[in-house]
């Protein structure tokens, strides 16, 4: 799959493992390699990003970090 997508095996493995939103380009390459529609999966990725409250760094497809959680009152 790495050869087909142009993404590193590690990036694809991390995306498949879940737990965090992968960079957009990795997610799109993975989806396309599995027969998914690029536009549909970009829309899904952006919705997931918005739901997580993340802001990409370094442009599209760059790493994202979660925003701090809400403060808790005692």
PDB file of N, CA and C in Angstrom:
ATOM      1  N   UNK A   1       0.826  -1.183   0.000  1.00  0.00           N
ATOM      2  CA  UNK A   1       0.000   0.000   0.000  1.00  0.00           C
ATOM      3  C   UNK A   1       0.877   1.256   0.000  1.00  0.00           C
ATOM      4  N   UNK A   2       2.003   1.209   0.684  1.00  0.00           N
ATOM      5  CA  UNK A   2       2.887   2.375   0.728  1.00  0.00           C
ATOM      6  C   UNK A   2       3.339   2.769  -0.680  1.00  0.00           C
ATOM      7  N   UNK A   3       3.691   1.786  -1.491  1.00  0.00           N
ATOM      8  CA  UNK A   3       4.133   2.082  -2.853  1.00  0.00           C
ATOM      9  C   UNK A   3       3.005   2.682  -3.684  1.00  0.00           C
ATOM     10  N   UNK A   4       1.794   2.202  -3.481  1.00  0.00           N
ATOM     11  CA  UNK A   4       0.638   2.709  -4.219  1.00  0.00           C
ATOM     12  C   UNK A   4       0.259   4.127  -3.818  1.00  0.00           C
ATOM     13  N   UNK A   5       0.419   4.450  -2.540  1.00  0.00           N
ATOM     14  CA  UNK A   5      -0.047   5.741  -2.037  1.00  0.00           C
ATOM     15  C   UNK A   5       1.021   6.817  -1.993  1.00  0.00           C
ATOM     16  N   UNK A   6       2.278   6.406  -1.975  1.00  0.00           N
ATOM     17  CA  UNK A   6       3.351   7.389  -1.814  1.00  0.00           C
ATOM     18  C   UNK A   6       3.549   7.811  -0.368  1.00  0.00           C
ATOM     19  N   UNK A   7       2.870   7.134   0.558  1.00  0.00           N
ATOM     20  CA  UNK A   7       3.004   7.427   1.988  1.00  0.00           C
ATOM     21  C   UNK A   7       3.900   6.368   2.620  1.00  0.00           C
ATOM     22  N   UNK A   8       4.538   6.735   3.708  1.00  0.00           N
ATOM     23  CA  UNK A   8       5.425   5.779   4.372  1.00  0.00           C
ATOM     24  C   UNK A   8       4.621   4.675   5.058  1.00  0.00           C
ATOM     25  N   UNK A   9       5.219   3.491   5.183  1.00  0.00           N
ATOM     26  CA  UNK A   9       4.529   2.430   5.912  1.00  0.00           C
ATOM     27  C   UNK A   9       4.161   2.848   7.335  1.00  0.00           C
ATOM     28  N   UNK A  10       5.037   3.591   7.970  1.00  0.00           N
ATOM     29  CA  UNK A  10       4.761   4.048   9.335  1.00  0.00           C
ATOM     30  C   UNK A  10       3.560   4.969   9.411  1.00  0.00           C
ATOM     31  N   UNK A  11       3.454   5.893   8.453  1.00  0.00           N
ATOM     32  CA  UNK A  11       2.314   6.821   8.433  1.00  0.00           C
ATOM     33  C   UNK A  11       1.010   6.067   8.211  1.00  0.00           C
ATOM     34  N   UNK A  12       1.030   5.086   7.313  1.00  0.00           N
ATOM     35  CA  UNK A  12      -0.168   4.298   7.054  1.00  0.00           C
ATOM     36  C   UNK A  12      -0.527   3.442   8.262  1.00  0.00           C
ATOM     37  N   UNK A  13       0.467   2.881   8.921  1.00  0.00           N
ATOM     38  CA  UNK A  13       0.238   2.068  10.106  1.00  0.00           C
ATOM     39  C   UNK A  13      -0.371   2.904  11.230  1.00  0.00           C
ATOM     40  N   UNK A  14       0.157   4.099  11.428  1.00  0.00           N
ATOM     41  CA  UNK A  14      -0.369   4.990  12.456  1.00  0.00           C
ATOM     42  C   UNK A  14      -1.813   5.364  12.153  1.00  0.00           C
ATOM     43  N   UNK A  15      -2.108   5.642  10.881  1.00  0.00           N
ATOM     44  CA  UNK A  15      -3.475   5.990  10.485  1.00  0.00           C
ATOM     45  C   UNK A  15      -4.427   4.818  10.729  1.00  0.00           C
ATOM     46  N   UNK A  16      -3.976   3.612  10.409  1.00  0.00           N
ATOM     47  CA  UNK A  16      -4.813   2.426  10.582  1.00  0.00           C
ATOM     48  C   UNK A  16      -5.045   2.105  12.054  1.00  0.00           C
ATOM     49  N   UNK A  17      -4.073   2.429  12.885  1.00  0.00           N
ATOM     50  CA  UNK A  17      -4.171   2.137  14.317  1.00  0.00           C
ATOM     51  C   UNK A  17      -5.250   2.983  14.980  1.00  0.00           C
ATOM     52  N   UNK A  18      -5.484   4.191  14.477  1.00  0.00           N
ATOM     53  CA  UNK A  18      -6.495   5.063  15.072  1.00  0.00           C
ATOM     54  C   UNK A  18      -5.969   5.759  16.307  1.00  0.00           C
ATOM     55  N   UNK A  19      -6.866   6.310  17.063  1.00  0.00           N
ATOM     56  CA  UNK A  19      -6.472   6.994  18.288  1.00  0.00           C
ATOM     57  C   UNK A  19      -6.220   8.476  18.103  1.00  0.00           C
ATOM     58  N   UNK A  20      -5.893   8.874  16.892  1.00  0.00           N
ATOM     59  CA  UNK A  20      -5.691  10.287  16.586  1.00  0.00           C
ATOM     60  C   UNK A  20      -5.981  10.505  15.115  1.00  0.00           C
ATOM     61  N   UNK A  21      -6.322  11.727  14.777  1.00  0.00           N
ATOM     62  CA  UNK A  21      -6.624  12.060  13.396  1.00  0.00           C
ATOM     63  C   UNK A  21      -5.321  12.129  12.607  1.00  0.00           C
ATOM     64  N   UNK A  22      -5.190  11.320  11.555  1.00  0.00           N
ATOM     65  CA  UNK A  22      -3.956  11.366  10.766  1.00  0.00           C
ATOM     66  C   UNK A  22      -3.917  12.638   9.931  1.00  0.00           C
ATOM     67  N   UNK A  23      -2.749  13.012   9.433  1.00  0.00           N
ATOM     68  CA  UNK A  23      -2.682  14.149   8.519  1.00  0.00           C
ATOM     69  C   UNK A  23      -3.615  13.914   7.324  1.00  0.00           C
ATOM     70  N   UNK A  24      -4.173  14.983   6.803  1.00  0.00           N
ATOM     71  CA  UNK A  24      -5.142  14.891   5.715  1.00  0.00           C
ATOM     72  C   UNK A  24      -4.616  14.085   4.542  1.00  0.00           C
ATOM     73  N   UNK A  25      -3.414  14.352   4.087  1.00  0.00           N
ATOM     74  CA  UNK A  25      -2.889  13.648   2.911  1.00  0.00           C
ATOM     75  C   UNK A  25      -2.745  12.151   3.151  1.00  0.00           C
ATOM     76  N   UNK A  26      -2.397  11.770   4.355  1.00  0.00           N
ATOM     77  CA  UNK A  26      -2.294  10.344   4.679  1.00  0.00           C
ATOM     78  C   UNK A  26      -3.689   9.714   4.669  1.00  0.00           C
ATOM     79  N   UNK A  27      -4.648  10.385   5.275  1.00  0.00           N
ATOM     80  CA  UNK A  27      -6.014   9.864   5.301  1.00  0.00           C
ATOM     81  C   UNK A  27      -6.576   9.715   3.891  1.00  0.00           C
ATOM     82  N   UNK A  28      -6.339  10.711   3.046  1.00  0.00           N
ATOM     83  CA  UNK A  28      -6.860  10.654   1.680  1.00  0.00           C
ATOM     84  C   UNK A  28      -6.171   9.565   0.869  1.00  0.00           C
ATOM     85  N   UNK A  29      -4.873   9.417   1.032  1.00  0.00           N
ATOM     86  CA  UNK A  29      -4.151   8.374   0.308  1.00  0.00           C
ATOM     87  C   UNK A  29      -4.649   7.003   0.739  1.00  0.00           C
ATOM     88  N   UNK A  30      -4.867   6.821   2.024  1.00  0.00           N
ATOM     89  CA  UNK A  30      -5.361   5.557   2.555  1.00  0.00           C
ATOM     90  C   UNK A  30      -6.755   5.270   1.997  1.00  0.00           C
ATOM     91  N   UNK A  31      -7.636   6.263   2.047  1.00  0.00           N
ATOM     92  CA  UNK A  31      -9.002   6.077   1.554  1.00  0.00           C
ATOM     93  C   UNK A  31      -9.015   5.739   0.066  1.00  0.00           C
ATOM     94  N   UNK A  32      -8.231   6.449  -0.722  1.00  0.00           N
ATOM     95  CA  UNK A  32      -8.177   6.185  -2.162  1.00  0.00           C
ATOM     96  C   UNK A  32      -7.643   4.781  -2.453  1.00  0.00           C
ATOM     97  N   UNK A  33      -6.633   4.355  -1.704  1.00  0.00           N
ATOM     98  CA  UNK A  33      -6.062   3.025  -1.913  1.00  0.00           C
ATOM     99  C   UNK A  33      -7.091   1.932  -1.623  1.00  0.00           C
ATOM    100  N   UNK A  34      -8.055   2.267  -0.770  1.00  0.00           N
ATOM    101  CA  UNK A  34      -9.109   1.304  -0.431  1.00  0.00           C
ATOM    102  C   UNK A  34     -10.367   1.505  -1.277  1.00  0.00           C
ATOM    103  N   UNK A  35     -10.272   2.350  -2.304  1.00  0.00           N
ATOM    104  CA  UNK A  35     -11.404   2.548  -3.208  1.00  0.00           C
ATOM    105  C   UNK A  35     -12.357   3.651  -2.799  1.00  0.00           C
ATOM    106  N   UNK A  36     -11.975   4.441  -1.808  1.00  0.00           N
ATOM    107  CA  UNK A  36     -12.840   5.532  -1.349  1.00  0.00           C
ATOM    108  C   UNK A  36     -12.761   6.753  -2.252  1.00  0.00           C
ATOM    109  N   UNK A  37     -13.769   7.592  -2.157  1.00  0.00           N
ATOM    110  CA  UNK A  37     -13.839   8.831  -2.918  1.00  0.00           C
ATOM    111  C   UNK A  37     -13.084   9.935  -2.179  1.00  0.00           C
ATOM    112  N   UNK A  38     -12.111  10.547  -2.846  1.00  0.00           N
ATOM    113  CA  UNK A  38     -11.257  11.560  -2.223  1.00  0.00           C
ATOM    114  C   UNK A  38     -12.072  12.714  -1.644  1.00  0.00           C
ATOM    115  N   UNK A  39     -13.017  13.254  -2.403  1.00  0.00           N
ATOM    116  CA  UNK A  39     -13.808  14.398  -1.937  1.00  0.00           C
ATOM    117  C   UNK A  39     -14.641  14.031  -0.710  1.00  0.00           C
ATOM    118  N   UNK A  40     -15.248  12.861  -0.737  1.00  0.00           N
ATOM    119  CA  UNK A  40     -16.055  12.423   0.399  1.00  0.00           C
ATOM    120  C   UNK A  40     -15.201  12.288   1.653  1.00  0.00           C
ATOM    121  N   UNK A  41     -14.020  11.679   1.509  1.00  0.00           N
ATOM    122  CA  UNK A  41     -13.175  11.466   2.679  1.00  0.00           C
ATOM    123  C   UNK A  41     -12.501  12.741   3.153  1.00  0.00           C
ATOM    124  N   UNK A  42     -12.277  13.689   2.249  1.00  0.00           N
ATOM    125  CA  UNK A  42     -11.768  14.982   2.717  1.00  0.00           C
ATOM    126  C   UNK A  42     -12.847  15.664   3.563  1.00  0.00           C
ATOM    127  N   UNK A  43     -14.088  15.591   3.110  1.00  0.00           N
ATOM    128  CA  UNK A  43     -15.198  16.168   3.879  1.00  0.00           C
ATOM    129  C   UNK A  43     -15.285  15.503   5.253  1.00  0.00           C
ATOM    130  N   UNK A  44     -15.192  14.186   5.294  1.00  0.00           N
ATOM    131  CA  UNK A  44     -15.243  13.461   6.565  1.00  0.00           C
ATOM    132  C   UNK A  44     -14.080  13.845   7.476  1.00  0.00           C
ATOM    133  N   UNK A  45     -12.881  13.976   6.887  1.00  0.00           N
ATOM    134  CA  UNK A  45     -11.701  14.328   7.676  1.00  0.00           C
ATOM    135  C   UNK A  45     -11.879  15.718   8.294  1.00  0.00           C
ATOM    136  N   UNK A  46     -12.353  16.667   7.480  1.00  0.00           N
ATOM    137  CA  UNK A  46     -12.542  18.039   7.978  1.00  0.00           C
ATOM    138  C   UNK A  46     -13.616  18.087   9.064  1.00  0.00           C
ATOM    139  N   UNK A  47     -14.665  17.292   8.919  1.00  0.00           N
ATOM    140  CA  UNK A  47     -15.691  17.231   9.959  1.00  0.00           C
ATOM    141  C   UNK A  47     -15.113  16.653  11.247  1.00  0.00           C
ATOM    142  N   UNK A  48     -14.300  15.618  11.128  1.00  0.00           N
ATOM    143  CA  UNK A  48     -13.665  15.028  12.308  1.00  0.00           C
ATOM    144  C   UNK A  48     -12.719  16.029  12.959  1.00  0.00           C
ATOM    145  N   UNK A  49     -11.974  16.742  12.142  1.00  0.00           N
ATOM    146  CA  UNK A  49     -11.052  17.755  12.676  1.00  0.00           C
ATOM    147  C   UNK A  49     -11.823  18.817  13.440  1.00  0.00           C
ATOM    148  N   UNK A  50     -12.923  19.292  12.871  1.00  0.00           N
ATOM    149  CA  UNK A  50     -13.733  20.307  13.532  1.00  0.00           C
ATOM    150  C   UNK A  50     -14.308  19.775  14.842  1.00  0.00           C
ATOM    151  N   UNK A  51     -14.713  18.518  14.840  1.00  0.00           N
ATOM    152  CA  UNK A  51     -15.265  17.909  16.044  1.00  0.00           C
ATOM    153  C   UNK A  51     -14.246  17.733  17.148  1.00  0.00           C
ATOM    154  N   UNK A  52     -12.989  17.583  16.763  1.00  0.00           N
ATOM    155  CA  UNK A  52     -11.923  17.428  17.749  1.00  0.00           C
ATOM    156  C   UNK A  52     -11.398  18.757  18.245  1.00  0.00           C
ATOM    157  N   UNK A  53     -11.733  19.833  17.534  1.00  0.00           N
ATOM    158  CA  UNK A  53     -11.219  21.145  17.911  1.00  0.00           C
ATOM    159  C   UNK A  53      -9.745  21.289  17.602  1.00  0.00           C
ATOM    160  N   UNK A  54      -9.279  20.607  16.553  1.00  0.00           N
ATOM    161  CA  UNK A  54      -7.870  20.690  16.190  1.00  0.00           C
ATOM    162  C   UNK A  54      -7.662  21.751  15.130  1.00  0.00           C
ATOM    163  N   UNK A  55      -6.487  22.273  15.096  1.00  0.00           N
ATOM    164  CA  UNK A  55      -6.111  23.245  14.079  1.00  0.00           C
ATOM    165  C   UNK A  55      -4.830  22.751  13.431  1.00  0.00           C
ATOM    166  N   UNK A  56      -4.850  22.516  12.117  1.00  0.00           N
ATOM    167  CA  UNK A  56      -3.641  22.013  11.469  1.00  0.00           C
ATOM    168  C   UNK A  56      -2.502  23.013  11.550  1.00  0.00           C
ATOM    169  N   UNK A  57      -1.314  22.470  11.720  1.00  0.00           N
ATOM    170  CA  UNK A  57      -0.102  23.294  11.691  1.00  0.00           C
ATOM    171  C   UNK A  57       0.664  22.926  10.446  1.00  0.00           C
ATOM    172  N   UNK A  58       1.286  23.900   9.828  1.00  0.00           N
ATOM    173  CA  UNK A  58       2.119  23.619   8.669  1.00  0.00           C
ATOM    174  C   UNK A  58       1.331  23.390   7.401  1.00  0.00           C
ATOM    175  N   UNK A  59       0.123  23.892   7.298  1.00  0.00           N
ATOM    176  CA  UNK A  59      -0.653  23.773   6.071  1.00  0.00           C
ATOM    177  C   UNK A  59      -1.462  22.498   6.030  1.00  0.00           C
ATOM    178  N   UNK A  60      -2.153  22.314   4.925  1.00  0.00           N
ATOM    179  CA  UNK A  60      -3.017  21.148   4.759  1.00  0.00           C
ATOM    180  C   UNK A  60      -2.205  19.875   4.879  1.00  0.00           C
ATOM    181  N   UNK A  61      -2.729  18.975   5.633  1.00  0.00           N
ATOM    182  CA  UNK A  61      -2.066  17.692   5.798  1.00  0.00           C
ATOM    183  C   UNK A  61      -0.985  17.704   6.856  1.00  0.00           C
ATOM    184  N   UNK A  62      -0.737  18.866   7.466  1.00  0.00           N
ATOM    185  CA  UNK A  62       0.275  18.948   8.504  1.00  0.00           C
ATOM    186  C   UNK A  62      -0.228  18.331   9.789  1.00  0.00           C
ATOM    187  N   UNK A  63       0.669  18.122  10.726  1.00  0.00           N
ATOM    188  CA  UNK A  63       0.244  17.525  11.982  1.00  0.00           C
ATOM    189  C   UNK A  63      -0.738  18.427  12.712  1.00  0.00           C
ATOM    190  N   UNK A  64      -1.655  17.833  13.390  1.00  0.00           N
ATOM    191  CA  UNK A  64      -2.614  18.572  14.181  1.00  0.00           C
ATOM    192  C   UNK A  64      -2.418  18.204  15.638  1.00  0.00           C
ATOM    193  N   UNK A  65      -2.705  19.146  16.509  1.00  0.00           N
ATOM    194  CA  UNK A  65      -2.650  18.835  17.924  1.00  0.00           C
ATOM    195  C   UNK A  65      -3.975  19.228  18.544  1.00  0.00           C
ATOM    196  N   UNK A  66      -4.456  18.423  19.490  1.00  0.00           N
ATOM    197  CA  UNK A  66      -5.747  18.737  20.090  1.00  0.00           C
ATOM    198  C   UNK A  66      -5.656  20.012  20.914  1.00  0.00           C
ATOM    199  N   UNK A  67      -6.750  20.733  20.974  1.00  0.00           N
ATOM    200  CA  UNK A  67      -6.785  21.918  21.800  1.00  0.00           C
ATOM    201  C   UNK A  67      -6.913  21.474  23.248  1.00  0.00           C
ATOM    202  N   UNK A  68      -6.535  22.339  24.186  1.00  0.00           N
ATOM    203  CA  UNK A  68      -6.669  21.950  25.589  1.00  0.00           C
ATOM    204  C   UNK A  68      -8.131  21.679  25.914  1.00  0.00           C
ATOM    205  N   UNK A  69      -8.344  20.749  26.803  1.00  0.00           N
ATOM    206  CA  UNK A  69      -9.706  20.410  27.203  1.00  0.00           C
ATOM    207  C   UNK A  69     -10.310  21.521  28.052  1.00  0.00           C
ATOM    208  N   UNK A  70     -11.601  21.439  28.288  1.00  0.00           N
ATOM    209  CA  UNK A  70     -12.252  22.454  29.096  1.00  0.00           C
ATOM    210  C   UNK A  70     -11.734  22.403  30.527  1.00  0.00           C
ATOM    211  N   UNK A  71     -11.686  23.565  31.153  1.00  0.00           N
ATOM    212  CA  UNK A  71     -11.246  23.579  32.544  1.00  0.00           C
ATOM    213  C   UNK A  71     -12.360  23.030  33.405  1.00  0.00           C
ATOM    214  N   UNK A  72     -11.974  22.390  34.472  1.00  0.00           N
ATOM    215  CA  UNK A  72     -12.964  21.779  35.361  1.00  0.00           C
ATOM    216  C   UNK A  72     -13.080  22.587  36.647  1.00  0.00           C
ATOM    217  N   UNK A  73     -14.293  22.756  37.067  1.00  0.00           N
ATOM    218  CA  UNK A  73     -14.537  23.443  38.338  1.00  0.00           C
ATOM    219  C   UNK A  73     -14.643  22.413  39.434  1.00  0.00           C
ATOM    220  N   UNK A  74     -14.164  22.755  40.643  1.00  0.00           N
ATOM    221  CA  UNK A  74     -14.269  21.787  41.752  1.00  0.00           C
ATOM    222  C   UNK A  74     -15.683  21.551  42.182  1.00  0.00           C
TER     223      UNK A  74
END
